[in-house]
Amino acid sequence: MTDFIAMLADADFWVAVLRIATPLIFGTLGVLLCERAGVLNLGIEGIMVFGAFAGWLTVYAGAGLWVGVLAAALAGAAFGALHSLLVVRLPLSQHVAGLGITLLATSLAYYAYRLGFPKVDSPPKIEAFQAMNWLPVPILAEQTPLTLLALVLVPLIAYVLYRTPIGLALRAVGENPHAVESQGIDVIRLRTGAVIAGSALMGVAGAFLTLAAFNSFFFNMVNGRGWICVALVVFASWRPGKALLGALLFAFFDAAQLRLQQSGGGALPYQLYLMLPYLLSIVALVIAARKAAYPQALMQPYVKGAR
């Protein structure tokens, strides 16, 4: 108990929590935008992998870090355009198309890496984003600009969704696309835009791993974070503010298990500590999902003029 209290009082612990949460915030906001428009995007895992690779390769080739972030966003947007083509314009199965995008994006990233670096034993390194030491807030001062961007995006997306006409249309198209159609709004174009924008954020989530958390690209670095983001959207009841809370909660569990491994002295197998954040997140998800009000048209194909 004393170790737990000391952990909570340690500023470095909260720095780690916010750092772990950052890619989850980007990814969860991306999934939220897609699902608010009625589209399930299970391509997030692969999009994050390709975004991580695209951002890292762009910087490794000599471009700036923000250009790398832009490259990751554009790569994510490209896969989002493909996903929207499959599930919005050709209303195919959103589950199958999303899993196909994950397999395609992951395989392309790994193939391109092996093709470009066939004889490299250790991943080449780049100069990653540095901490914002000029900020007066100690915990934020230890973070990179991408973390600040993720935190700014939460109220920004909430404002767009709940305070602007396009946000109202986006939420409506996820509830009743035919009602939106009756108002003269192009449902297909709106859903396509939401999926592309959400997928761009997923690409940035992957880029954080190579441009801020680490300084290189390696296989399995995403490590299931995309699937966690899909679950966090349910936990958040499709609300940006709660999505931030969910990302921080999972990051808290993850950072805690790392500290517990160090202080446990080997009394328990390390696999139990690794399981802890996922187990606690499942419990929180089950509790939250009981009252979750999901978009009524989520995963329902839309055909113009049909009823």
Protein backbone atom coordinates (compact mmCIF):
# COMPACT_ATOMS: atom_id res chain seq x y z
CA MET A 1 0.00 0.00 0.00
CA THR A 2 2.86 2.35 0.83
CA ASP A 3 4.43 1.66 -2.58
CA PHE A 4 1.11 2.44 -4.29
CA ILE A 5 0.75 5.78 -2.50
CA ALA A 6 4.36 6.64 -3.31
CA MET A 7 3.67 5.80 -6.95
CA LEU A 8 0.68 8.17 -7.04
CA ALA A 9 2.78 10.93 -5.52
CA ASP A 10 5.54 10.50 -8.08
CA ALA A 11 5.36 13.09 -10.90
CA ASP A 12 7.32 10.75 -13.21
CA PHE A 13 4.49 8.23 -12.95
CA TRP A 14 1.95 10.76 -14.25
CA VAL A 15 4.34 11.79 -17.00
CA ALA A 16 4.40 8.14 -18.09
CA VAL A 17 0.59 7.91 -17.90
CA LEU A 18 0.14 10.87 -20.22
CA ARG A 19 2.79 9.59 -22.62
CA ILE A 20 1.17 6.14 -22.81
CA ALA A 21 -2.27 7.71 -23.28
CA THR A 22 -1.29 9.95 -26.21
CA PRO A 23 -1.55 7.43 -29.09
CA LEU A 24 -4.75 6.10 -27.52
CA ILE A 25 -6.25 9.60 -27.54
CA PHE A 26 -5.49 10.09 -31.24
CA GLY A 27 -6.73 6.61 -32.14
CA THR A 28 -9.88 6.80 -30.02
CA LEU A 29 -10.84 10.17 -31.48
CA GLY A 30 -10.33 8.70 -34.95
CA VAL A 31 -12.58 5.72 -34.23
CA LEU A 32 -15.13 8.02 -32.62
CA LEU A 33 -15.40 10.18 -35.75
CA CYS A 34 -15.92 7.13 -37.94
CA GLU A 35 -18.52 5.54 -35.68
CA ARG A 36 -20.38 8.79 -35.06
CA ALA A 37 -21.01 8.74 -38.81
CA GLY A 38 -22.21 5.13 -38.60
CA VAL A 39 -19.06 3.41 -39.91
CA LEU A 40 -17.06 0.82 -37.97
CA ASN A 41 -13.37 1.03 -38.87
CA LEU A 42 -11.51 -2.07 -37.74
CA GLY A 43 -8.63 -1.05 -39.98
CA ILE A 44 -7.21 1.07 -37.16
CA GLU A 45 -4.56 -1.44 -36.10
CA GLY A 46 -3.06 -1.61 -39.59
CA ILE A 47 -3.48 2.12 -40.19
CA MET A 48 -1.52 2.83 -37.00
CA VAL A 49 1.24 0.47 -38.14
CA PHE A 50 1.47 2.11 -41.56
CA GLY A 51 1.26 5.59 -40.04
CA ALA A 52 4.15 4.74 -37.73
CA PHE A 53 6.19 3.49 -40.68
CA ALA A 54 5.29 6.38 -43.01
CA GLY A 55 6.12 9.03 -40.41
CA TRP A 56 9.41 7.40 -39.48
CA LEU A 57 10.49 6.80 -43.10
CA THR A 58 9.69 10.40 -44.07
CA VAL A 59 11.86 11.78 -41.28
CA TYR A 60 14.58 9.19 -41.93
CA ALA A 61 14.66 10.38 -45.56
CA GLY A 62 15.54 13.89 -44.35
CA ALA A 63 12.20 15.65 -43.88
CA GLY A 64 11.16 17.48 -40.71
CA LEU A 65 9.26 15.89 -37.87
CA TRP A 66 6.02 17.73 -38.61
CA VAL A 67 6.31 16.66 -42.25
CA GLY A 68 6.53 13.11 -40.91
CA VAL A 69 3.33 13.66 -38.93
CA LEU A 70 1.67 15.00 -42.09
CA ALA A 71 2.87 11.98 -44.08
CA ALA A 72 1.38 9.64 -41.46
CA ALA A 73 -1.91 11.54 -41.54
CA LEU A 74 -2.03 11.37 -45.34
CA ALA A 75 -1.24 7.65 -45.28
CA GLY A 76 -4.05 7.11 -42.78
CA ALA A 77 -6.39 9.23 -44.90
CA ALA A 78 -5.54 7.12 -47.97
CA PHE A 79 -6.51 3.90 -46.19
CA GLY A 80 -9.59 5.68 -44.87
CA ALA A 81 -10.55 6.56 -48.45
CA LEU A 82 -10.16 2.90 -49.42
CA HIS A 83 -12.24 1.78 -46.45
CA SER A 84 -14.97 4.30 -47.22
CA LEU A 85 -15.01 3.16 -50.86
CA LEU A 86 -15.62 -0.40 -49.73
CA VAL A 87 -18.19 0.20 -46.98
CA VAL A 88 -19.86 3.51 -47.89
CA ARG A 89 -20.03 3.61 -51.67
CA LEU A 90 -20.11 -0.18 -52.13
CA PRO A 91 -21.87 -1.11 -48.91
CA LEU A 92 -19.79 -4.20 -48.12
CA SER A 93 -19.34 -5.76 -44.69
CA GLN A 94 -17.68 -3.23 -42.41
CA HIS A 95 -16.14 -5.98 -40.28
CA VAL A 96 -14.55 -7.81 -43.21
CA ALA A 97 -13.39 -4.62 -44.96
CA GLY A 98 -11.86 -3.25 -41.77
CA LEU A 99 -9.94 -6.44 -41.03
CA GLY A 100 -8.80 -6.49 -44.64
CA ILE A 101 -7.48 -2.94 -44.30
CA THR A 102 -5.57 -3.97 -41.17
CA LEU A 103 -3.97 -6.92 -42.93
CA LEU A 104 -3.18 -4.86 -46.05
CA ALA A 105 -1.70 -1.87 -44.22
CA THR A 106 0.36 -4.00 -41.82
CA SER A 107 1.70 -6.21 -44.60
CA LEU A 108 2.58 -3.22 -46.80
CA ALA A 109 4.48 -1.55 -43.95
CA TYR A 110 6.46 -4.68 -43.10
CA TYR A 111 7.14 -5.46 -46.76
CA ALA A 112 8.32 -1.91 -47.47
CA TYR A 113 10.57 -2.00 -44.42
CA ARG A 114 12.17 -5.30 -45.45
CA LEU A 115 12.52 -4.05 -49.03
CA GLY A 116 14.15 -0.78 -47.98
CA PHE A 117 16.35 -2.21 -45.22
CA PRO A 118 17.13 -5.81 -46.17
CA LYS A 119 20.42 -6.12 -44.30
CA VAL A 120 19.72 -4.04 -41.20
CA ASP A 121 19.95 -5.92 -37.89
CA SER A 122 18.72 -3.08 -35.64
CA PRO A 123 16.14 -0.44 -36.68
CA PRO A 124 17.72 2.82 -37.91
CA LYS A 125 17.15 5.71 -35.53
CA ILE A 126 15.94 9.25 -36.12
CA GLU A 127 15.93 12.44 -34.04
CA ALA A 128 12.51 12.34 -32.38
CA PHE A 129 10.37 15.11 -30.90
CA GLN A 130 11.83 16.58 -27.72
CA ALA A 131 10.07 17.49 -24.48
CA MET A 132 8.49 20.93 -24.17
CA ASN A 133 10.66 22.13 -21.30
CA TRP A 134 9.46 25.71 -21.78
CA LEU A 135 5.96 24.92 -20.48
CA PRO A 136 5.23 26.01 -16.88
CA VAL A 137 3.22 22.84 -16.09
CA PRO A 138 5.73 20.19 -14.90
CA ILE A 139 3.93 17.10 -16.24
CA LEU A 140 3.23 18.70 -19.62
CA ALA A 141 6.78 20.04 -19.80
CA GLU A 142 8.03 16.46 -20.01
CA GLN A 143 5.78 15.67 -22.97
CA THR A 144 6.30 16.22 -26.69
CA PRO A 145 4.23 18.59 -28.87
CA LEU A 146 2.18 15.65 -30.16
CA THR A 147 0.80 15.08 -26.67
CA LEU A 148 -0.26 18.72 -26.48
CA LEU A 149 -1.88 18.36 -29.92
CA ALA A 150 -3.83 15.30 -28.74
CA LEU A 151 -5.11 17.15 -25.68
CA VAL A 152 -6.14 20.16 -27.77
CA LEU A 153 -8.01 17.95 -30.24
CA VAL A 154 -10.35 16.61 -27.55
CA PRO A 155 -12.24 19.89 -26.85
CA LEU A 156 -11.88 20.89 -30.51
CA ILE A 157 -13.63 17.75 -31.78
CA ALA A 158 -16.21 18.01 -29.01
CA TYR A 159 -16.94 21.59 -30.10
CA VAL A 160 -17.28 20.55 -33.75
CA LEU A 161 -19.59 17.65 -32.90
CA TYR A 162 -21.89 19.52 -30.52
CA ARG A 163 -21.66 23.18 -31.52
CA THR A 164 -21.46 23.29 -35.32
CA PRO A 165 -23.86 22.40 -38.16
CA ILE A 166 -21.46 19.88 -39.65
CA GLY A 167 -21.17 18.19 -36.26
CA LEU A 168 -24.94 17.99 -35.98
CA ALA A 169 -25.12 16.49 -39.48
CA LEU A 170 -22.37 14.00 -38.63
CA ARG A 171 -24.16 12.81 -35.49
CA ALA A 172 -27.46 12.66 -37.34
CA VAL A 173 -26.02 10.54 -40.14
CA GLY A 174 -24.93 8.01 -37.53
CA GLU A 175 -28.44 7.90 -36.11
CA ASN A 176 -30.75 8.18 -39.12
CA PRO A 177 -29.06 8.69 -42.50
CA HIS A 178 -32.37 8.75 -44.38
CA ALA A 179 -33.54 11.71 -42.31
CA VAL A 180 -30.32 13.48 -43.19
CA GLU A 181 -30.87 12.64 -46.85
CA SER A 182 -34.34 14.20 -46.70
CA GLN A 183 -32.68 17.50 -45.71
CA GLY A 184 -30.68 17.52 -48.94
CA ILE A 185 -27.37 16.50 -47.33
CA ASP A 186 -25.15 14.02 -49.17
CA VAL A 187 -24.87 11.12 -46.71
CA ILE A 188 -22.22 9.28 -48.69
CA ARG A 189 -19.97 12.33 -48.89
CA LEU A 190 -20.42 13.06 -45.18
CA ARG A 191 -19.63 9.50 -44.12
CA THR A 192 -16.66 9.38 -46.48
CA GLY A 193 -15.25 12.61 -45.03
CA ALA A 194 -15.67 11.34 -41.46
CA VAL A 195 -13.90 8.06 -42.22
CA ILE A 196 -11.02 9.81 -43.99
CA ALA A 197 -10.60 12.35 -41.16
CA GLY A 198 -10.82 9.64 -38.50
CA SER A 199 -8.31 7.45 -40.33
CA ALA A 200 -5.91 10.41 -40.60
CA LEU A 201 -5.96 10.67 -36.79
CA MET A 202 -5.25 6.93 -36.59
CA GLY A 203 -2.19 7.47 -38.78
CA VAL A 204 -0.99 10.22 -36.44
CA ALA A 205 -1.54 7.86 -33.49
CA GLY A 206 0.93 5.47 -35.10
CA ALA A 207 3.35 8.27 -35.93
CA PHE A 208 3.53 9.21 -32.25
CA LEU A 209 5.15 5.86 -31.53
CA THR A 210 8.02 6.39 -33.98
CA LEU A 211 8.40 10.17 -33.80
CA ALA A 212 7.93 10.76 -30.07
CA ALA A 213 7.68 7.64 -27.89
CA PHE A 214 10.53 5.87 -29.71
CA ASN A 215 12.93 7.00 -32.41
CA SER A 216 12.74 4.03 -34.77
CA PHE A 217 10.28 1.65 -36.41
CA PHE A 218 10.11 -2.01 -35.44
CA PHE A 219 7.63 -4.82 -35.93
CA ASN A 220 4.72 -5.23 -33.49
CA MET A 221 5.29 -1.79 -31.99
CA VAL A 222 1.57 -0.95 -32.16
CA ASN A 223 0.92 -4.09 -30.11
CA GLY A 224 -2.88 -4.07 -30.09
CA ARG A 225 -3.34 -0.39 -29.28
CA GLY A 226 -5.78 -0.07 -32.18
CA TRP A 227 -8.12 -2.66 -30.70
CA ILE A 228 -7.92 -0.89 -27.34
CA CYS A 229 -9.06 2.32 -29.07
CA VAL A 230 -12.11 0.53 -30.49
CA ALA A 231 -13.04 -0.64 -26.99
CA LEU A 232 -12.39 2.79 -25.47
CA VAL A 233 -14.96 4.38 -27.79
CA VAL A 234 -17.62 2.08 -26.32
CA PHE A 235 -16.39 2.92 -22.82
CA ALA A 236 -16.66 6.62 -23.71
CA SER A 237 -20.22 6.28 -25.06
CA TRP A 238 -18.96 7.98 -28.24
CA ARG A 239 -18.12 11.24 -26.40
CA PRO A 240 -14.70 12.94 -26.80
CA GLY A 241 -14.38 13.96 -23.14
CA LYS A 242 -15.02 10.44 -21.88
CA ALA A 243 -12.70 9.11 -24.59
CA LEU A 244 -9.90 11.14 -23.01
CA LEU A 245 -10.83 9.74 -19.60
CA GLY A 246 -10.81 6.18 -20.94
CA ALA A 247 -7.41 6.61 -22.58
CA LEU A 248 -5.97 8.01 -19.35
CA LEU A 249 -7.54 5.19 -17.34
CA PHE A 250 -5.98 2.48 -19.51
CA ALA A 251 -2.66 4.32 -19.48
CA PHE A 252 -2.86 4.52 -15.69
CA PHE A 253 -3.30 0.74 -15.46
CA ASP A 254 -0.47 0.17 -17.94
CA ALA A 255 1.96 2.49 -16.17
CA ALA A 256 0.99 0.97 -12.82
CA GLN A 257 1.75 -2.56 -13.95
CA LEU A 258 5.23 -1.47 -15.03
CA ARG A 259 5.87 -0.03 -11.58
CA LEU A 260 4.42 -3.12 -9.91
CA GLN A 261 6.75 -5.35 -11.91
CA GLN A 262 9.71 -3.35 -10.65
CA SER A 263 8.60 -3.34 -7.02
CA GLY A 264 7.15 -6.85 -6.93
CA GLY A 265 10.54 -8.49 -6.53
CA GLY A 266 9.59 -11.42 -8.76
CA ALA A 267 6.99 -12.73 -6.31
CA LEU A 268 4.46 -13.11 -9.13
CA PRO A 269 4.97 -14.04 -12.79
CA TYR A 270 5.42 -10.92 -14.92
CA GLN A 271 2.63 -12.11 -17.22
CA LEU A 272 0.13 -11.34 -14.45
CA TYR A 273 1.29 -7.74 -14.37
CA LEU A 274 1.08 -7.51 -18.16
CA MET A 275 -2.48 -8.82 -18.01
CA LEU A 276 -3.56 -6.32 -15.34
CA PRO A 277 -4.34 -3.24 -17.52
CA TYR A 278 -6.33 -5.33 -20.00
CA LEU A 279 -8.25 -7.13 -17.26
CA LEU A 280 -9.15 -3.92 -15.45
CA SER A 281 -10.06 -2.26 -18.75
CA ILE A 282 -12.43 -5.13 -19.57
CA VAL A 283 -14.12 -4.71 -16.19
CA ALA A 284 -14.48 -0.95 -16.76
CA LEU A 285 -15.75 -1.57 -20.29
CA VAL A 286 -18.40 -4.03 -19.14
CA ILE A 287 -19.64 -1.59 -16.51
CA ALA A 288 -19.71 1.38 -18.90
CA ALA A 289 -21.18 -0.52 -21.86
CA ARG A 290 -24.37 -1.30 -19.93
CA LYS A 291 -25.47 2.32 -20.28
CA ALA A 292 -23.76 3.16 -23.56
CA ALA A 293 -26.04 4.79 -26.15
CA TYR A 294 -24.48 3.73 -29.44
CA PRO A 295 -25.28 5.42 -32.78
CA GLN A 296 -28.42 3.73 -34.08
CA ALA A 297 -27.16 3.47 -37.68
CA LEU A 298 -23.73 2.12 -36.72
CA MET A 299 -22.67 -0.65 -39.16
CA GLN A 300 -25.89 -0.28 -41.12
CA PRO A 301 -25.25 0.09 -44.87
CA TYR A 302 -26.78 3.10 -46.55
CA VAL A 303 -28.19 3.03 -50.09
CA LYS A 304 -29.30 6.34 -51.49
CA GLY A 305 -33.07 6.53 -51.98
CA ALA A 306 -33.74 3.20 -50.25
CA ARG A 307 -35.94 2.86 -47.19
